[in-house]
Amino acid sequence: MTDSKKILTILSKINFRLQENKDFLTGLDSAIGDGDHGINMSRGFLAVMEKLPQMEDKDIATILKNVGMTLVSTVGGASGPLYGTAFMRAGAAAAGKTVLQGADFLALLDAAVEGIRQRGKAEKGEKTMLDALIPALEAFEAEHASAASPRRALERAVDAAREGVEHTKTIIATKGRASYLGERSLGHQDPGATSALLMLEALLESLE
């Protein structure tokens, strides 16, 4: 069971993982992008952390929408609007919920992924964050359909996201700045897919 208090804990863990991997993400982005993904994600979630005390009495939907708006206004490049949209869509999917169960997690993840798809006009296989998130969504959905526990479904989702991140090394970027490199983007791990994986890992850690 995940309530609004737990959501704040999850956000804190996401922030910790992103700050911990700030230089790693920036290094990945330096090879195929603007070299600022780690810096941008760090700045965005530090801004979220500053607002966390004001969210302690808010419901789940309001918290997630506030996170999304904060990321849109503080994270540069494409990642801000994309992650911001993901959190705002997840917040809309959480409307009226005081606790989240397995089906709710699935609905929130589905809404977040669809938001990124529409905002970025991207699909799996284009070397973006969706190469981690879509496999994670599909894995969670399959485990949920087989009546697995939310924790088991999330474990499988993280495994699938990790495999998706590895797969980005084998495909050519067709979206974003990395697409300018064409075949030279081969062999490089996508920073957006990596930050998405870090968030899912933080979510799983929070449920332990």
Foldseek 3Di string as FASTA:
>chain_A
DAFQVLVLVLLVLLLVLLLVCLQVLLVLCVQQHDSCQSVLVNFLSVQLVVCSVVCPPPGQLVSLLVSLVSLLVRGDDPVSNLQSQLSNQLSVLCPPPRGDALVNVLSSLVSSLVSNCVSQVDAAQQQALNLLSVQLSVQLVVCVVVVHGSLVSLVRSLVSLVVSQVCSLQGQHPGHRSNVVGPSSHRGGRSRSVSSSSSSVSVSVSVD
